[in-house]
Amino acid sequence: MSVATIDLRGIEMATVGELEVRLNGHEDLCSARYAKIELQFDATNARLKRIEQILMGAAGTIILLLIGIVFKLVGIQ
């Protein structure tokens, strides 16, 4: 079994300070993206709630109309 070796000569390693700056920038970017996703989720949730209310109202109306038709066919007023 052979072990692979990596030659790191000629590759500059980042300092701890540079890595910290990059990590902080990444955290800020992710935070901004997360906030945007949360706003989009809230907007989508509001739309779905509105559609749900419309569908519930339409279903109620259809049920009442069907009950009215049945009563009219049976002769109950």
C-alpha atoms as a PDB file:
ATOM      1  CA  MET A   1       0.000   0.000   0.000  1.00  0.00           C
ATOM      2  CA  SER A   2       1.532   3.287  -1.067  1.00  0.00           C
ATOM      3  CA  VAL A   3       0.947   6.585   0.648  1.00  0.00           C
ATOM      4  CA  ALA A   4       0.421   9.598  -1.596  1.00  0.00           C
ATOM      5  CA  THR A   5       2.591  12.562  -0.824  1.00  0.00           C
ATOM      6  CA  ILE A   6       1.844  16.143  -1.693  1.00  0.00           C
ATOM      7  CA  ASP A   7       4.635  18.540  -2.546  1.00  0.00           C
ATOM      8  CA  LEU A   8       3.769  21.896  -0.958  1.00  0.00           C
ATOM      9  CA  ARG A   9       6.901  23.694  -2.090  1.00  0.00           C
ATOM     10  CA  GLY A  10       6.082  26.832  -3.985  1.00  0.00           C
ATOM     11  CA  ILE A  11       2.587  27.128  -2.469  1.00  0.00           C
ATOM     12  CA  GLU A  12       2.111  30.125  -0.229  1.00  0.00           C
ATOM     13  CA  MET A  13       0.149  29.389   2.936  1.00  0.00           C
ATOM     14  CA  ALA A  14      -2.286  31.997   4.228  1.00  0.00           C
ATOM     15  CA  THR A  15      -1.609  33.504   7.610  1.00  0.00           C
ATOM     16  CA  VAL A  16      -4.070  33.206  10.473  1.00  0.00           C
ATOM     17  CA  GLY A  17      -4.970  36.868  10.049  1.00  0.00           C
ATOM     18  CA  GLU A  18      -5.729  36.429   6.351  1.00  0.00           C
ATOM     19  CA  LEU A  19      -7.854  33.383   7.064  1.00  0.00           C
ATOM     20  CA  GLU A  20      -9.731  35.266   9.764  1.00  0.00           C
ATOM     21  CA  VAL A  21     -10.497  38.112   7.336  1.00  0.00           C
ATOM     22  CA  ARG A  22     -11.714  35.638   4.716  1.00  0.00           C
ATOM     23  CA  LEU A  23     -13.834  33.774   7.267  1.00  0.00           C
ATOM     24  CA  ASN A  24     -15.402  36.993   8.578  1.00  0.00           C
ATOM     25  CA  GLY A  25     -16.228  38.044   5.025  1.00  0.00           C
ATOM     26  CA  HIS A  26     -17.793  34.655   4.378  1.00  0.00           C
ATOM     27  CA  GLU A  27     -19.860  34.907   7.564  1.00  0.00           C
ATOM     28  CA  ASP A  28     -21.114  38.370   6.557  1.00  0.00           C
ATOM     29  CA  LEU A  29     -22.041  37.151   3.076  1.00  0.00           C
ATOM     30  CA  CYS A  30     -23.885  34.115   4.449  1.00  0.00           C
ATOM     31  CA  SER A  31     -25.703  36.283   6.969  1.00  0.00           C
ATOM     32  CA  ALA A  32     -26.914  38.624   4.213  1.00  0.00           C
ATOM     33  CA  ARG A  33     -28.019  35.670   2.071  1.00  0.00           C
ATOM     34  CA  TYR A  34     -29.859  34.099   4.992  1.00  0.00           C
ATOM     35  CA  ALA A  35     -31.686  37.367   5.700  1.00  0.00           C
ATOM     36  CA  LYS A  36     -32.758  37.574   2.042  1.00  0.00           C
ATOM     37  CA  ILE A  37     -33.963  33.960   2.066  1.00  0.00           C
ATOM     38  CA  GLU A  38     -35.941  34.641   5.232  1.00  0.00           C
ATOM     39  CA  LEU A  39     -37.647  37.657   3.613  1.00  0.00           C
ATOM     40  CA  GLN A  40     -38.537  35.578   0.565  1.00  0.00           C
ATOM     41  CA  PHE A  41     -39.915  32.834   2.807  1.00  0.00           C
ATOM     42  CA  ASP A  42     -42.096  35.347   4.662  1.00  0.00           C
ATOM     43  CA  ALA A  43     -43.449  36.737   1.380  1.00  0.00           C
ATOM     44  CA  THR A  44     -44.183  33.243   0.072  1.00  0.00           C
ATOM     45  CA  ASN A  45     -45.861  32.296   3.329  1.00  0.00           C
ATOM     46  CA  ALA A  46     -48.136  35.359   3.095  1.00  0.00           C
ATOM     47  CA  ARG A  47     -49.103  34.452  -0.482  1.00  0.00           C
ATOM     48  CA  LEU A  48     -49.895  30.871   0.488  1.00  0.00           C
ATOM     49  CA  LYS A  49     -52.023  32.051   3.394  1.00  0.00           C
ATOM     50  CA  ARG A  50     -53.997  34.325   1.044  1.00  0.00           C
ATOM     51  CA  ILE A  51     -54.525  31.488  -1.449  1.00  0.00           C
ATOM     52  CA  GLU A  52     -55.642  29.201   1.390  1.00  0.00           C
ATOM     53  CA  GLN A  53     -58.249  31.759   2.499  1.00  0.00           C
ATOM     54  CA  ILE A  54     -59.557  32.115  -1.050  1.00  0.00           C
ATOM     55  CA  LEU A  55     -59.836  28.334  -1.456  1.00  0.00           C
ATOM     56  CA  MET A  56     -61.619  27.927   1.885  1.00  0.00           C
ATOM     57  CA  GLY A  57     -64.125  30.625   0.918  1.00  0.00           C
ATOM     58  CA  ALA A  58     -64.698  29.055  -2.490  1.00  0.00           C
ATOM     59  CA  ALA A  59     -65.163  25.605  -0.948  1.00  0.00           C
ATOM     60  CA  GLY A  60     -67.688  26.984   1.551  1.00  0.00           C
ATOM     61  CA  THR A  61     -69.610  28.713  -1.215  1.00  0.00           C
ATOM     62  CA  ILE A  62     -69.715  25.554  -3.334  1.00  0.00           C
ATOM     63  CA  ILE A  63     -70.935  23.487  -0.373  1.00  0.00           C
ATOM     64  CA  LEU A  64     -73.706  25.982   0.385  1.00  0.00           C
ATOM     65  CA  LEU A  65     -74.757  26.088  -3.264  1.00  0.00           C
ATOM     66  CA  LEU A  66     -74.891  22.280  -3.434  1.00  0.00           C
ATOM     67  CA  ILE A  67     -76.980  22.115  -0.247  1.00  0.00           C
ATOM     68  CA  GLY A  68     -79.346  24.696  -1.754  1.00  0.00           C
ATOM     69  CA  ILE A  69     -79.682  22.669  -4.940  1.00  0.00           C
ATOM     70  CA  VAL A  70     -80.418  19.484  -2.974  1.00  0.00           C
ATOM     71  CA  PHE A  71     -83.063  21.239  -0.880  1.00  0.00           C
ATOM     72  CA  LYS A  72     -84.641  22.697  -4.021  1.00  0.00           C
ATOM     73  CA  LEU A  73     -84.747  19.275  -5.714  1.00  0.00           C
ATOM     74  CA  VAL A  74     -86.232  17.597  -2.663  1.00  0.00           C
ATOM     75  CA  GLY A  75     -88.742  20.384  -2.230  1.00  0.00           C
ATOM     76  CA  ILE A  76     -87.626  21.713   1.152  1.00  0.00           C
ATOM     77  CA  GLN A  77     -87.724  25.491   1.442  1.00  0.00           C
END
